[in-house]
Amino acid sequence: MMKLNKTAIGIDQGEDVLFSDYEDGGAMWTGSGSRERRHRLKFSEPFKSVPAVHISLSLWDMDSATNARADVAAEKITERGFEVVFRTWADTRVARIRIRWMAIGEAYHEDDWQLY
C-alpha cells in the first residue's frame, strides 16, 4: 500500500491514442501471433516519488471476425512518466486503441526545501 503525505498529493491524468493500424496496414491489424506496442508518456510535472498508475482502454476497435484479446499495462514507472504496453496475440486484429490513465502520488509542495 502506498501511503501519502496529506500535504502534497498529486493527481495527473490523460488520454492518448496508442495506434491506428487500420489506416496504414500496421502489424496490429495485419499481423498474427504475439504483438506488442509500447508508448512512453510523461507526466505534466514530476512526482516526488514513484506514483501509482492506473490505465484503462477508452476505445478499442477490433475486427469482429476474430476473438478480441488485449492486455494493457503500465511499466517502467518513474517520477517523470511511464510506458504504456499494449499486447495482443493469436489471430486478433486490432484497428486502433485509445487509453485513459491516471497517476496518484506524492507531489512537490512549495514548502519543500532541500539543504543541498
PDB file of N, CA and C in Angstrom:
ATOM      1  N   MET A   1       0.837  -1.181   0.000  1.00  0.00           N
ATOM      2  CA  MET A   1       0.000   0.000   0.000  1.00  0.00           C
ATOM      3  C   MET A   1       0.881   1.243   0.000  1.00  0.00           C
ATOM      4  N   MET A   2       0.520   2.191  -0.823  1.00  0.00           N
ATOM      5  CA  MET A   2       1.231   3.460  -0.862  1.00  0.00           C
ATOM      6  C   MET A   2       0.566   4.391   0.147  1.00  0.00           C
ATOM      7  N   LYS A   3       1.351   4.968   1.042  1.00  0.00           N
ATOM      8  CA  LYS A   3       0.828   5.947   1.994  1.00  0.00           C
ATOM      9  C   LYS A   3       1.391   7.307   1.621  1.00  0.00           C
ATOM     10  N   LEU A   4       0.504   8.294   1.514  1.00  0.00           N
ATOM     11  CA  LEU A   4       0.886   9.608   1.029  1.00  0.00           C
ATOM     12  C   LEU A   4       0.826  10.650   2.142  1.00  0.00           C
ATOM     13  N   ASN A   5       1.734  11.600   2.078  1.00  0.00           N
ATOM     14  CA  ASN A   5       1.722  12.740   2.979  1.00  0.00           C
ATOM     15  C   ASN A   5       0.512  13.596   2.612  1.00  0.00           C
ATOM     16  N   LYS A   6      -0.320  13.924   3.563  1.00  0.00           N
ATOM     17  CA  LYS A   6      -1.569  14.626   3.262  1.00  0.00           C
ATOM     18  C   LYS A   6      -1.389  16.044   2.740  1.00  0.00           C
ATOM     19  N   THR A   7      -0.185  16.605   2.869  1.00  0.00           N
ATOM     20  CA  THR A   7       0.001  17.993   2.444  1.00  0.00           C
ATOM     21  C   THR A   7       0.250  18.143   0.941  1.00  0.00           C
ATOM     22  N   ALA A   8       0.680  17.114   0.272  1.00  0.00           N
ATOM     23  CA  ALA A   8       1.003  17.271  -1.150  1.00  0.00           C
ATOM     24  C   ALA A   8       0.736  15.982  -1.927  1.00  0.00           C
ATOM     25  N   ILE A   9      -0.505  15.779  -2.311  1.00  0.00           N
ATOM     26  CA  ILE A   9      -0.878  14.627  -3.119  1.00  0.00           C
ATOM     27  C   ILE A   9      -1.145  15.126  -4.533  1.00  0.00           C
ATOM     28  N   GLY A  10      -0.443  14.529  -5.507  1.00  0.00           N
ATOM     29  CA  GLY A  10      -0.612  14.931  -6.892  1.00  0.00           C
ATOM     30  C   GLY A  10      -1.421  13.917  -7.673  1.00  0.00           C
ATOM     31  N   ILE A  11      -2.282  14.415  -8.555  1.00  0.00           N
ATOM     32  CA  ILE A  11      -3.050  13.562  -9.465  1.00  0.00           C
ATOM     33  C   ILE A  11      -2.843  14.119 -10.864  1.00  0.00           C
ATOM     34  N   ASP A  12      -2.363  13.282 -11.759  1.00  0.00           N
ATOM     35  CA  ASP A  12      -2.196  13.663 -13.156  1.00  0.00           C
ATOM     36  C   ASP A  12      -2.993  12.658 -13.979  1.00  0.00           C
ATOM     37  N   GLN A  13      -3.508  13.077 -15.106  1.00  0.00           N
ATOM     38  CA  GLN A  13      -4.299  12.162 -15.931  1.00  0.00           C
ATOM     39  C   GLN A  13      -4.234  12.587 -17.380  1.00  0.00           C
ATOM     40  N   GLY A  14      -4.596  11.660 -18.244  1.00  0.00           N
ATOM     41  CA  GLY A  14      -4.575  11.971 -19.663  1.00  0.00           C
ATOM     42  C   GLY A  14      -5.245  10.894 -20.490  1.00  0.00           C
ATOM     43  N   GLU A  15      -5.294  11.151 -21.774  1.00  0.00           N
ATOM     44  CA  GLU A  15      -5.864  10.226 -22.748  1.00  0.00           C
ATOM     45  C   GLU A  15      -4.970  10.270 -23.975  1.00  0.00           C
ATOM     46  N   ASP A  16      -4.635   9.110 -24.508  1.00  0.00           N
ATOM     47  CA  ASP A  16      -3.726   9.039 -25.647  1.00  0.00           C
ATOM     48  C   ASP A  16      -4.141   7.935 -26.602  1.00  0.00           C
ATOM     49  N   VAL A  17      -4.048   8.212 -27.902  1.00  0.00           N
ATOM     50  CA  VAL A  17      -4.222   7.181 -28.920  1.00  0.00           C
ATOM     51  C   VAL A  17      -2.887   6.456 -29.034  1.00  0.00           C
ATOM     52  N   LEU A  18      -2.887   5.153 -28.794  1.00  0.00           N
ATOM     53  CA  LEU A  18      -1.644   4.390 -28.871  1.00  0.00           C
ATOM     54  C   LEU A  18      -1.270   4.080 -30.316  1.00  0.00           C
ATOM     55  N   PHE A  19      -2.262   3.719 -31.108  1.00  0.00           N
ATOM     56  CA  PHE A  19      -2.005   3.443 -32.523  1.00  0.00           C
ATOM     57  C   PHE A  19      -3.312   3.387 -33.285  1.00  0.00           C
ATOM     58  N   SER A  20      -3.201   3.498 -34.597  1.00  0.00           N
ATOM     59  CA  SER A  20      -4.319   3.339 -35.512  1.00  0.00           C
ATOM     60  C   SER A  20      -3.784   2.567 -36.717  1.00  0.00           C
ATOM     61  N   ASP A  21      -3.643   1.266 -36.553  1.00  0.00           N
ATOM     62  CA  ASP A  21      -3.003   0.423 -37.566  1.00  0.00           C
ATOM     63  C   ASP A  21      -3.896   0.097 -38.756  1.00  0.00           C
ATOM     64  N   TYR A  22      -5.177   0.322 -38.656  1.00  0.00           N
ATOM     65  CA  TYR A  22      -6.080   0.047 -39.769  1.00  0.00           C
ATOM     66  C   TYR A  22      -5.768   0.936 -40.968  1.00  0.00           C
ATOM     67  N   GLU A  23      -5.432   2.201 -40.680  1.00  0.00           N
ATOM     68  CA  GLU A  23      -5.217   3.177 -41.739  1.00  0.00           C
ATOM     69  C   GLU A  23      -4.004   2.879 -42.612  1.00  0.00           C
ATOM     70  N   ASP A  24      -2.936   2.322 -41.986  1.00  0.00           N
ATOM     71  CA  ASP A  24      -1.701   2.118 -42.751  1.00  0.00           C
ATOM     72  C   ASP A  24      -1.264   0.651 -42.830  1.00  0.00           C
ATOM     73  N   GLY A  25      -2.159  -0.276 -42.487  1.00  0.00           N
ATOM     74  CA  GLY A  25      -1.841  -1.697 -42.592  1.00  0.00           C
ATOM     75  C   GLY A  25      -0.785  -2.155 -41.606  1.00  0.00           C
ATOM     76  N   GLY A  26      -0.764  -1.550 -40.409  1.00  0.00           N
ATOM     77  CA  GLY A  26       0.224  -1.893 -39.393  1.00  0.00           C
ATOM     78  C   GLY A  26       0.058  -3.305 -38.844  1.00  0.00           C
ATOM     79  N   ALA A  27       1.042  -3.738 -38.066  1.00  0.00           N
ATOM     80  CA  ALA A  27       1.118  -5.116 -37.571  1.00  0.00           C
ATOM     81  C   ALA A  27      -0.037  -5.512 -36.668  1.00  0.00           C
ATOM     82  N   MET A  28      -0.592  -4.589 -35.922  1.00  0.00           N
ATOM     83  CA  MET A  28      -1.717  -4.943 -35.039  1.00  0.00           C
ATOM     84  C   MET A  28      -2.955  -5.310 -35.857  1.00  0.00           C
ATOM     85  N   TRP A  29      -3.078  -4.749 -37.054  1.00  0.00           N
ATOM     86  CA  TRP A  29      -4.224  -5.030 -37.916  1.00  0.00           C
ATOM     87  C   TRP A  29      -3.949  -6.192 -38.871  1.00  0.00           C
ATOM     88  N   THR A  30      -2.751  -6.276 -39.417  1.00  0.00           N
ATOM     89  CA  THR A  30      -2.472  -7.274 -40.445  1.00  0.00           C
ATOM     90  C   THR A  30      -1.699  -8.488 -39.930  1.00  0.00           C
ATOM     91  N   GLY A  31      -1.079  -8.375 -38.758  1.00  0.00           N
ATOM     92  CA  GLY A  31      -0.229  -9.443 -38.245  1.00  0.00           C
ATOM     93  C   GLY A  31      -1.006 -10.530 -37.513  1.00  0.00           C
ATOM     94  N   SER A  32      -0.259 -11.501 -37.013  1.00  0.00           N
ATOM     95  CA  SER A  32      -0.835 -12.564 -36.176  1.00  0.00           C
ATOM     96  C   SER A  32       0.231 -12.989 -35.178  1.00  0.00           C
ATOM     97  N   GLY A  33      -0.184 -13.781 -34.211  1.00  0.00           N
ATOM     98  CA  GLY A  33       0.750 -14.189 -33.174  1.00  0.00           C
ATOM     99  C   GLY A  33       0.931 -13.086 -32.139  1.00  0.00           C
ATOM    100  N   SER A  34       1.955 -13.217 -31.302  1.00  0.00           N
ATOM    101  CA  SER A  34       2.214 -12.234 -30.250  1.00  0.00           C
ATOM    102  C   SER A  34       2.677 -10.919 -30.853  1.00  0.00           C
ATOM    103  N   ARG A  35       2.023  -9.826 -30.441  1.00  0.00           N
ATOM    104  CA  ARG A  35       2.388  -8.484 -30.889  1.00  0.00           C
ATOM    105  C   ARG A  35       2.327  -7.544 -29.697  1.00  0.00           C
ATOM    106  N   GLU A  36       3.191  -6.549 -29.735  1.00  0.00           N
ATOM    107  CA  GLU A  36       3.279  -5.611 -28.619  1.00  0.00           C
ATOM    108  C   GLU A  36       3.554  -4.203 -29.139  1.00  0.00           C
ATOM    109  N   ARG A  37       2.943  -3.231 -28.499  1.00  0.00           N
ATOM    110  CA  ARG A  37       3.200  -1.824 -28.821  1.00  0.00           C
ATOM    111  C   ARG A  37       3.482  -1.097 -27.511  1.00  0.00           C
ATOM    112  N   ARG A  38       4.565  -0.310 -27.474  1.00  0.00           N
ATOM    113  CA  ARG A  38       4.961   0.471 -26.298  1.00  0.00           C
ATOM    114  C   ARG A  38       4.915   1.954 -26.643  1.00  0.00           C
ATOM    115  N   HIS A  39       4.497   2.740 -25.653  1.00  0.00           N
ATOM    116  CA  HIS A  39       4.416   4.186 -25.847  1.00  0.00           C
ATOM    117  C   HIS A  39       4.800   4.869 -24.541  1.00  0.00           C
ATOM    118  N   ARG A  40       5.799   5.733 -24.586  1.00  0.00           N
ATOM    119  CA  ARG A  40       6.282   6.444 -23.401  1.00  0.00           C
ATOM    120  C   ARG A  40       5.452   7.705 -23.190  1.00  0.00           C
ATOM    121  N   LEU A  41       4.955   7.894 -21.955  1.00  0.00           N
ATOM    122  CA  LEU A  41       4.193   9.087 -21.603  1.00  0.00           C
ATOM    123  C   LEU A  41       4.886   9.825 -20.472  1.00  0.00           C
ATOM    124  N   LYS A  42       4.846  11.150 -20.520  1.00  0.00           N
ATOM    125  CA  LYS A  42       5.444  11.974 -19.476  1.00  0.00           C
ATOM    126  C   LYS A  42       4.341  12.646 -18.664  1.00  0.00           C
ATOM    127  N   PHE A  43       4.557  12.752 -17.348  1.00  0.00           N
ATOM    128  CA  PHE A  43       3.624  13.478 -16.503  1.00  0.00           C
ATOM    129  C   PHE A  43       3.766  14.981 -16.772  1.00  0.00           C
ATOM    130  N   SER A  44       2.748  15.746 -16.444  1.00  0.00           N
ATOM    131  CA  SER A  44       2.800  17.191 -16.674  1.00  0.00           C
ATOM    132  C   SER A  44       3.872  17.856 -15.813  1.00  0.00           C
ATOM    133  N   GLU A  45       4.187  17.257 -14.669  1.00  0.00           N
ATOM    134  CA  GLU A  45       5.323  17.664 -13.842  1.00  0.00           C
ATOM    135  C   GLU A  45       5.749  16.449 -13.014  1.00  0.00           C
ATOM    136  N   PRO A  46       6.996  16.400 -12.591  1.00  0.00           N
ATOM    137  CA  PRO A  46       7.464  15.215 -11.863  1.00  0.00           C
ATOM    138  C   PRO A  46       6.793  15.050 -10.504  1.00  0.00           C
ATOM    139  N   PHE A  47       6.608  13.799 -10.112  1.00  0.00           N
ATOM    140  CA  PHE A  47       6.166  13.479  -8.761  1.00  0.00           C
ATOM    141  C   PHE A  47       7.392  13.457  -7.854  1.00  0.00           C
ATOM    142  N   LYS A  48       7.167  13.520  -6.545  1.00  0.00           N
ATOM    143  CA  LYS A  48       8.255  13.481  -5.573  1.00  0.00           C
ATOM    144  C   LYS A  48       8.798  12.064  -5.419  1.00  0.00           C
ATOM    145  N   SER A  49       7.929  11.074  -5.607  1.00  0.00           N
ATOM    146  CA  SER A  49       8.306   9.661  -5.589  1.00  0.00           C
ATOM    147  C   SER A  49       7.489   8.951  -6.659  1.00  0.00           C
ATOM    148  N   VAL A  50       7.780   7.696  -6.894  1.00  0.00           N
ATOM    149  CA  VAL A  50       7.083   6.940  -7.953  1.00  0.00           C
ATOM    150  C   VAL A  50       5.592   6.825  -7.608  1.00  0.00           C
ATOM    151  N   PRO A  51       4.708   7.293  -8.480  1.00  0.00           N
ATOM    152  CA  PRO A  51       3.270   7.250  -8.215  1.00  0.00           C
ATOM    153  C   PRO A  51       2.645   5.899  -8.586  1.00  0.00           C
ATOM    154  N   ALA A  52       1.413   5.720  -8.169  1.00  0.00           N
ATOM    155  CA  ALA A  52       0.594   4.593  -8.635  1.00  0.00           C
ATOM    156  C   ALA A  52      -0.064   5.033  -9.942  1.00  0.00           C
ATOM    157  N   VAL A  53      -0.058   4.157 -10.949  1.00  0.00           N
ATOM    158  CA  VAL A  53      -0.620   4.494 -12.261  1.00  0.00           C
ATOM    159  C   VAL A  53      -1.711   3.484 -12.609  1.00  0.00           C
ATOM    160  N   HIS A  54      -2.845   4.003 -13.033  1.00  0.00           N
ATOM    161  CA  HIS A  54      -3.969   3.175 -13.476  1.00  0.00           C
ATOM    162  C   HIS A  54      -4.214   3.458 -14.955  1.00  0.00           C
ATOM    163  N   ILE A  55      -4.407   2.408 -15.732  1.00  0.00           N
ATOM    164  CA  ILE A  55      -4.669   2.538 -17.175  1.00  0.00           C
ATOM    165  C   ILE A  55      -5.945   1.770 -17.516  1.00  0.00           C
ATOM    166  N   SER A  56      -6.730   2.337 -18.412  1.00  0.00           N
ATOM    167  CA  SER A  56      -7.895   1.615 -18.933  1.00  0.00           C
ATOM    168  C   SER A  56      -8.040   1.911 -20.424  1.00  0.00           C
ATOM    169  N   LEU A  57      -8.693   1.017 -21.128  1.00  0.00           N
ATOM    170  CA  LEU A  57      -8.993   1.235 -22.540  1.00  0.00           C
ATOM    171  C   LEU A  57     -10.198   2.156 -22.636  1.00  0.00           C
ATOM    172  N   SER A  58     -10.084   3.241 -23.384  1.00  0.00           N
ATOM    173  CA  SER A  58     -11.231   4.132 -23.580  1.00  0.00           C
ATOM    174  C   SER A  58     -11.822   3.959 -24.982  1.00  0.00           C
ATOM    175  N   LEU A  59     -11.060   3.343 -25.887  1.00  0.00           N
ATOM    176  CA  LEU A  59     -11.578   2.982 -27.201  1.00  0.00           C
ATOM    177  C   LEU A  59     -10.815   1.757 -27.681  1.00  0.00           C
ATOM    178  N   TRP A  60     -11.537   0.767 -28.089  1.00  0.00           N
ATOM    179  CA  TRP A  60     -10.890  -0.366 -28.753  1.00  0.00           C
ATOM    180  C   TRP A  60     -11.731  -0.710 -29.980  1.00  0.00           C
ATOM    181  N   ASP A  61     -11.067  -0.752 -31.097  1.00  0.00           N
ATOM    182  CA  ASP A  61     -11.689  -1.010 -32.386  1.00  0.00           C
ATOM    183  C   ASP A  61     -11.035  -2.273 -32.925  1.00  0.00           C
ATOM    184  N   MET A  62     -11.787  -3.388 -32.874  1.00  0.00           N
ATOM    185  CA  MET A  62     -11.235  -4.691 -33.259  1.00  0.00           C
ATOM    186  C   MET A  62     -12.130  -5.361 -34.282  1.00  0.00           C
ATOM    187  N   ASP A  63     -11.519  -6.189 -35.077  1.00  0.00           N
ATOM    188  CA  ASP A  63     -12.230  -6.968 -36.085  1.00  0.00           C
ATOM    189  C   ASP A  63     -13.191  -7.923 -35.393  1.00  0.00           C
ATOM    190  N   SER A  64     -14.441  -7.932 -35.825  1.00  0.00           N
ATOM    191  CA  SER A  64     -15.448  -8.800 -35.191  1.00  0.00           C
ATOM    192  C   SER A  64     -15.355 -10.254 -35.667  1.00  0.00           C
ATOM    193  N   ALA A  65     -14.548 -10.526 -36.669  1.00  0.00           N
ATOM    194  CA  ALA A  65     -14.427 -11.892 -37.193  1.00  0.00           C
ATOM    195  C   ALA A  65     -13.458 -12.746 -36.376  1.00  0.00           C
ATOM    196  N   THR A  66     -12.687 -12.113 -35.475  1.00  0.00           N
ATOM    197  CA  THR A  66     -11.724 -12.856 -34.649  1.00  0.00           C
ATOM    198  C   THR A  66     -11.985 -12.548 -33.174  1.00  0.00           C
ATOM    199  N   ASN A  67     -11.390 -13.338 -32.301  1.00  0.00           N
ATOM    200  CA  ASN A  67     -11.528 -13.091 -30.870  1.00  0.00           C
ATOM    201  C   ASN A  67     -10.829 -11.792 -30.487  1.00  0.00           C
ATOM    202  N   ALA A  68     -11.435 -11.065 -29.543  1.00  0.00           N
ATOM    203  CA  ALA A  68     -10.836  -9.828 -29.028  1.00  0.00           C
ATOM    204  C   ALA A  68      -9.930 -10.194 -27.852  1.00  0.00           C
ATOM    205  N   ARG A  69      -8.623 -10.014 -28.029  1.00  0.00           N
ATOM    206  CA  ARG A  69      -7.643 -10.325 -26.986  1.00  0.00           C
ATOM    207  C   ARG A  69      -6.804  -9.076 -26.765  1.00  0.00           C
ATOM    208  N   ALA A  70      -6.759  -8.609 -25.517  1.00  0.00           N
ATOM    209  CA  ALA A  70      -5.996  -7.390 -25.237  1.00  0.00           C
ATOM    210  C   ALA A  70      -5.464  -7.417 -23.812  1.00  0.00           C
ATOM    211  N   ASP A  71      -4.250  -6.920 -23.668  1.00  0.00           N
ATOM    212  CA  ASP A  71      -3.626  -6.747 -22.362  1.00  0.00           C
ATOM    213  C   ASP A  71      -2.978  -5.375 -22.374  1.00  0.00           C
ATOM    214  N   VAL A  72      -3.323  -4.523 -21.422  1.00  0.00           N
ATOM    215  CA  VAL A  72      -2.739  -3.185 -21.339  1.00  0.00           C
ATOM    216  C   VAL A  72      -2.187  -2.997 -19.924  1.00  0.00           C
ATOM    217  N   ALA A  73      -0.977  -2.435 -19.844  1.00  0.00           N
ATOM    218  CA  ALA A  73      -0.320  -2.284 -18.546  1.00  0.00           C
ATOM    219  C   ALA A  73       0.578  -1.056 -18.539  1.00  0.00           C
ATOM    220  N   ALA A  74       0.862  -0.567 -17.331  1.00  0.00           N
ATOM    221  CA  ALA A  74       1.862   0.491 -17.129  1.00  0.00           C
ATOM    222  C   ALA A  74       3.135  -0.186 -16.655  1.00  0.00           C
ATOM    223  N   GLU A  75       4.241   0.106 -17.318  1.00  0.00           N
ATOM    224  CA  GLU A  75       5.534  -0.467 -16.950  1.00  0.00           C
ATOM    225  C   GLU A  75       6.578   0.646 -16.894  1.00  0.00           C
ATOM    226  N   LYS A  76       7.699   0.362 -16.267  1.00  0.00           N
ATOM    227  CA  LYS A  76       8.810   1.313 -16.159  1.00  0.00           C
ATOM    228  C   LYS A  76       8.333   2.670 -15.633  1.00  0.00           C
ATOM    229  N   ILE A  77       7.576   2.629 -14.537  1.00  0.00           N
ATOM    230  CA  ILE A  77       7.040   3.853 -13.935  1.00  0.00           C
ATOM    231  C   ILE A  77       8.149   4.560 -13.155  1.00  0.00           C
ATOM    232  N   THR A  78       8.291   5.845 -13.403  1.00  0.00           N
ATOM    233  CA  THR A  78       9.244   6.686 -12.670  1.00  0.00           C
ATOM    234  C   THR A  78       8.504   7.929 -12.184  1.00  0.00           C
ATOM    235  N   GLU A  79       9.225   8.811 -11.525  1.00  0.00           N
ATOM    236  CA  GLU A  79       8.643  10.071 -11.069  1.00  0.00           C
ATOM    237  C   GLU A  79       8.252  10.970 -12.242  1.00  0.00           C
ATOM    238  N   ARG A  80       8.834  10.736 -13.409  1.00  0.00           N
ATOM    239  CA  ARG A  80       8.618  11.610 -14.570  1.00  0.00           C
ATOM    240  C   ARG A  80       7.644  11.060 -15.610  1.00  0.00           C
ATOM    241  N   GLY A  81       7.378   9.747 -15.591  1.00  0.00           N
ATOM    242  CA  GLY A  81       6.488   9.173 -16.588  1.00  0.00           C
ATOM    243  C   GLY A  81       6.459   7.661 -16.531  1.00  0.00           C
ATOM    244  N   PHE A  82       5.944   7.047 -17.579  1.00  0.00           N
ATOM    245  CA  PHE A  82       5.799   5.594 -17.616  1.00  0.00           C
ATOM    246  C   PHE A  82       5.630   5.134 -19.058  1.00  0.00           C
ATOM    247  N   GLU A  83       5.711   3.828 -19.248  1.00  0.00           N
ATOM    248  CA  GLU A  83       5.441   3.225 -20.556  1.00  0.00           C
ATOM    249  C   GLU A  83       4.095   2.521 -20.520  1.00  0.00           C
ATOM    250  N   VAL A  84       3.265   2.802 -21.508  1.00  0.00           N
ATOM    251  CA  VAL A  84       2.038   2.041 -21.725  1.00  0.00           C
ATOM    252  C   VAL A  84       2.409   0.880 -22.629  1.00  0.00           C
ATOM    253  N   VAL A  85       2.013  -0.333 -22.243  1.00  0.00           N
ATOM    254  CA  VAL A  85       2.294  -1.505 -23.056  1.00  0.00           C
ATOM    255  C   VAL A  85       0.967  -2.158 -23.423  1.00  0.00           C
ATOM    256  N   PHE A  86       0.727  -2.286 -24.725  1.00  0.00           N
ATOM    257  CA  PHE A  86      -0.459  -2.974 -25.229  1.00  0.00           C
ATOM    258  C   PHE A  86       0.001  -4.242 -25.918  1.00  0.00           C
ATOM    259  N   ARG A  87      -0.629  -5.361 -25.573  1.00  0.00           N
ATOM    260  CA  ARG A  87      -0.287  -6.648 -26.180  1.00  0.00           C
ATOM    261  C   ARG A  87      -1.555  -7.340 -26.691  1.00  0.00           C
ATOM    262  N   THR A  88      -1.369  -8.060 -27.771  1.00  0.00           N
ATOM    263  CA  THR A  88      -2.403  -8.954 -28.268  1.00  0.00           C
ATOM    264  C   THR A  88      -1.719 -10.191 -28.833  1.00  0.00           C
ATOM    265  N   TRP A  89      -2.486 -11.197 -29.215  1.00  0.00           N
ATOM    266  CA  TRP A  89      -1.889 -12.449 -29.670  1.00  0.00           C
ATOM    267  C   TRP A  89      -2.880 -13.220 -30.549  1.00  0.00           C
ATOM    268  N   ALA A  90      -2.380 -14.317 -31.103  1.00  0.00           N
ATOM    269  CA  ALA A  90      -3.150 -15.214 -31.977  1.00  0.00           C
ATOM    270  C   ALA A  90      -3.662 -14.443 -33.207  1.00  0.00           C
ATOM    271  N   ASP A  91      -4.933 -14.644 -33.559  1.00  0.00           N
ATOM    272  CA  ASP A  91      -5.464 -14.051 -34.787  1.00  0.00           C
ATOM    273  C   ASP A  91      -6.197 -12.727 -34.570  1.00  0.00           C
ATOM    274  N   THR A  92      -6.127 -12.160 -33.378  1.00  0.00           N
ATOM    275  CA  THR A  92      -6.809 -10.904 -33.084  1.00  0.00           C
ATOM    276  C   THR A  92      -6.314  -9.793 -34.010  1.00  0.00           C
ATOM    277  N   ARG A  93      -7.266  -9.024 -34.541  1.00  0.00           N
ATOM    278  CA  ARG A  93      -6.938  -7.898 -35.419  1.00  0.00           C
ATOM    279  C   ARG A  93      -7.421  -6.619 -34.746  1.00  0.00           C
ATOM    280  N   VAL A  94      -6.463  -5.747 -34.408  1.00  0.00           N
ATOM    281  CA  VAL A  94      -6.770  -4.503 -33.693  1.00  0.00           C
ATOM    282  C   VAL A  94      -6.571  -3.324 -34.637  1.00  0.00           C
ATOM    283  N   ALA A  95      -7.644  -2.583 -34.879  1.00  0.00           N
ATOM    284  CA  ALA A  95      -7.570  -1.422 -35.767  1.00  0.00           C
ATOM    285  C   ALA A  95      -6.968  -0.216 -35.047  1.00  0.00           C
ATOM    286  N   ARG A  96      -7.490   0.087 -33.859  1.00  0.00           N
ATOM    287  CA  ARG A  96      -6.963   1.232 -33.101  1.00  0.00           C
ATOM    288  C   ARG A  96      -7.287   1.083 -31.621  1.00  0.00           C
ATOM    289  N   ILE A  97      -6.450   1.732 -30.818  1.00  0.00           N
ATOM    290  CA  ILE A  97      -6.585   1.691 -29.363  1.00  0.00           C
ATOM    291  C   ILE A  97      -6.339   3.083 -28.801  1.00  0.00           C
ATOM    292  N   ARG A  98      -7.216   3.483 -27.882  1.00  0.00           N
ATOM    293  CA  ARG A  98      -7.015   4.721 -27.109  1.00  0.00           C
ATOM    294  C   ARG A  98      -7.100   4.349 -25.632  1.00  0.00           C
ATOM    295  N   ILE A  99      -6.247   4.942 -24.814  1.00  0.00           N
ATOM    296  CA  ILE A  99      -6.247   4.654 -23.381  1.00  0.00           C
ATOM    297  C   ILE A  99      -6.464   5.936 -22.581  1.00  0.00           C
ATOM    298  N   ARG A 100      -6.980   5.771 -21.382  1.00  0.00           N
ATOM    299  CA  ARG A 100      -7.030   6.826 -20.367  1.00  0.00           C
ATOM    300  C   ARG A 100      -6.152   6.359 -19.221  1.00  0.00           C
ATOM    301  N   TRP A 101      -5.488   7.300 -18.581  1.00  0.00           N
ATOM    302  CA  TRP A 101      -4.609   6.952 -17.483  1.00  0.00           C
ATOM    303  C   TRP A 101      -4.722   7.980 -16.367  1.00  0.00           C
ATOM    304  N   MET A 102      -4.387   7.537 -15.154  1.00  0.00           N
ATOM    305  CA  MET A 102      -4.361   8.421 -14.001  1.00  0.00           C
ATOM    306  C   MET A 102      -3.215   7.995 -13.100  1.00  0.00           C
ATOM    307  N   ALA A 103      -2.447   8.969 -12.630  1.00  0.00           N
ATOM    308  CA  ALA A 103      -1.347   8.724 -11.703  1.00  0.00           C
ATOM    309  C   ALA A 103      -1.626   9.488 -10.411  1.00  0.00           C
ATOM    310  N   ILE A 104      -1.437   8.816  -9.287  1.00  0.00           N
ATOM    311  CA  ILE A 104      -1.636   9.431  -7.978  1.00  0.00           C
ATOM    312  C   ILE A 104      -0.391   9.170  -7.155  1.00  0.00           C
ATOM    313  N   GLY A 105       0.163  10.225  -6.575  1.00  0.00           N
ATOM    314  CA  GLY A 105       1.358  10.046  -5.776  1.00  0.00           C
ATOM    315  C   GLY A 105       1.748  11.292  -5.015  1.00  0.00           C
ATOM    316  N   GLU A 106       2.859  11.188  -4.346  1.00  0.00           N
ATOM    317  CA  GLU A 106       3.385  12.287  -3.551  1.00  0.00           C
ATOM    318  C   GLU A 106       3.921  13.372  -4.492  1.00  0.00           C
ATOM    319  N   ALA A 107       3.462  14.595  -4.279  1.00  0.00           N
ATOM    320  CA  ALA A 107       3.864  15.709  -5.137  1.00  0.00           C
ATOM    321  C   ALA A 107       4.755  16.672  -4.371  1.00  0.00           C
ATOM    322  N   TYR A 108       5.504  17.449  -5.125  1.00  0.00           N
ATOM    323  CA  TYR A 108       6.289  18.515  -4.504  1.00  0.00           C
ATOM    324  C   TYR A 108       5.346  19.607  -4.022  1.00  0.00           C
ATOM    325  N   HIS A 109       5.738  20.264  -2.951  1.00  0.00           N
ATOM    326  CA  HIS A 109       4.946  21.327  -2.348  1.00  0.00           C
ATOM    327  C   HIS A 109       5.826  22.555  -2.202  1.00  0.00           C
ATOM    328  N   GLU A 110       5.257  23.730  -2.260  1.00  0.00           N
ATOM    329  CA  GLU A 110       6.028  24.971  -2.178  1.00  0.00           C
ATOM    330  C   GLU A 110       6.797  25.099  -0.866  1.00  0.00           C
ATOM    331  N   ASP A 111       6.368  24.395   0.177  1.00  0.00           N
ATOM    332  CA  ASP A 111       7.076  24.437   1.455  1.00  0.00           C
ATOM    333  C   ASP A 111       8.235  23.454   1.519  1.00  0.00           C
ATOM    334  N   ASP A 112       8.392  22.605   0.511  1.00  0.00           N
ATOM    335  CA  ASP A 112       9.535  21.682   0.467  1.00  0.00           C
ATOM    336  C   ASP A 112      10.801  22.478   0.171  1.00  0.00           C
ATOM    337  N   TRP A 113      11.880  22.122   0.840  1.00  0.00           N
ATOM    338  CA  TRP A 113      13.162  22.729   0.533  1.00  0.00           C
ATOM    339  C   TRP A 113      14.249  21.735   0.870  1.00  0.00           C
ATOM    340  N   GLN A 114      15.356  21.893   0.200  1.00  0.00           N
ATOM    341  CA  GLN A 114      16.472  20.976   0.379  1.00  0.00           C
ATOM    342  C   GLN A 114      17.699  21.765   0.792  1.00  0.00           C
ATOM    343  N   LEU A 115      18.500  21.143   1.656  1.00  0.00           N
ATOM    344  CA  LEU A 115      19.723  21.812   2.115  1.00  0.00           C
ATOM    345  C   LEU A 115      20.794  21.777   1.053  1.00  0.00           C
ATOM    346  N   TYR A 116      20.852  20.722   0.266  1.00  0.00           N
ATOM    347  CA  TYR A 116      21.922  20.569  -0.732  1.00  0.00           C
ATOM    348  C   TYR A 116      21.351  20.241  -2.070  1.00  0.00           C
TER     349      TYR A 116
END
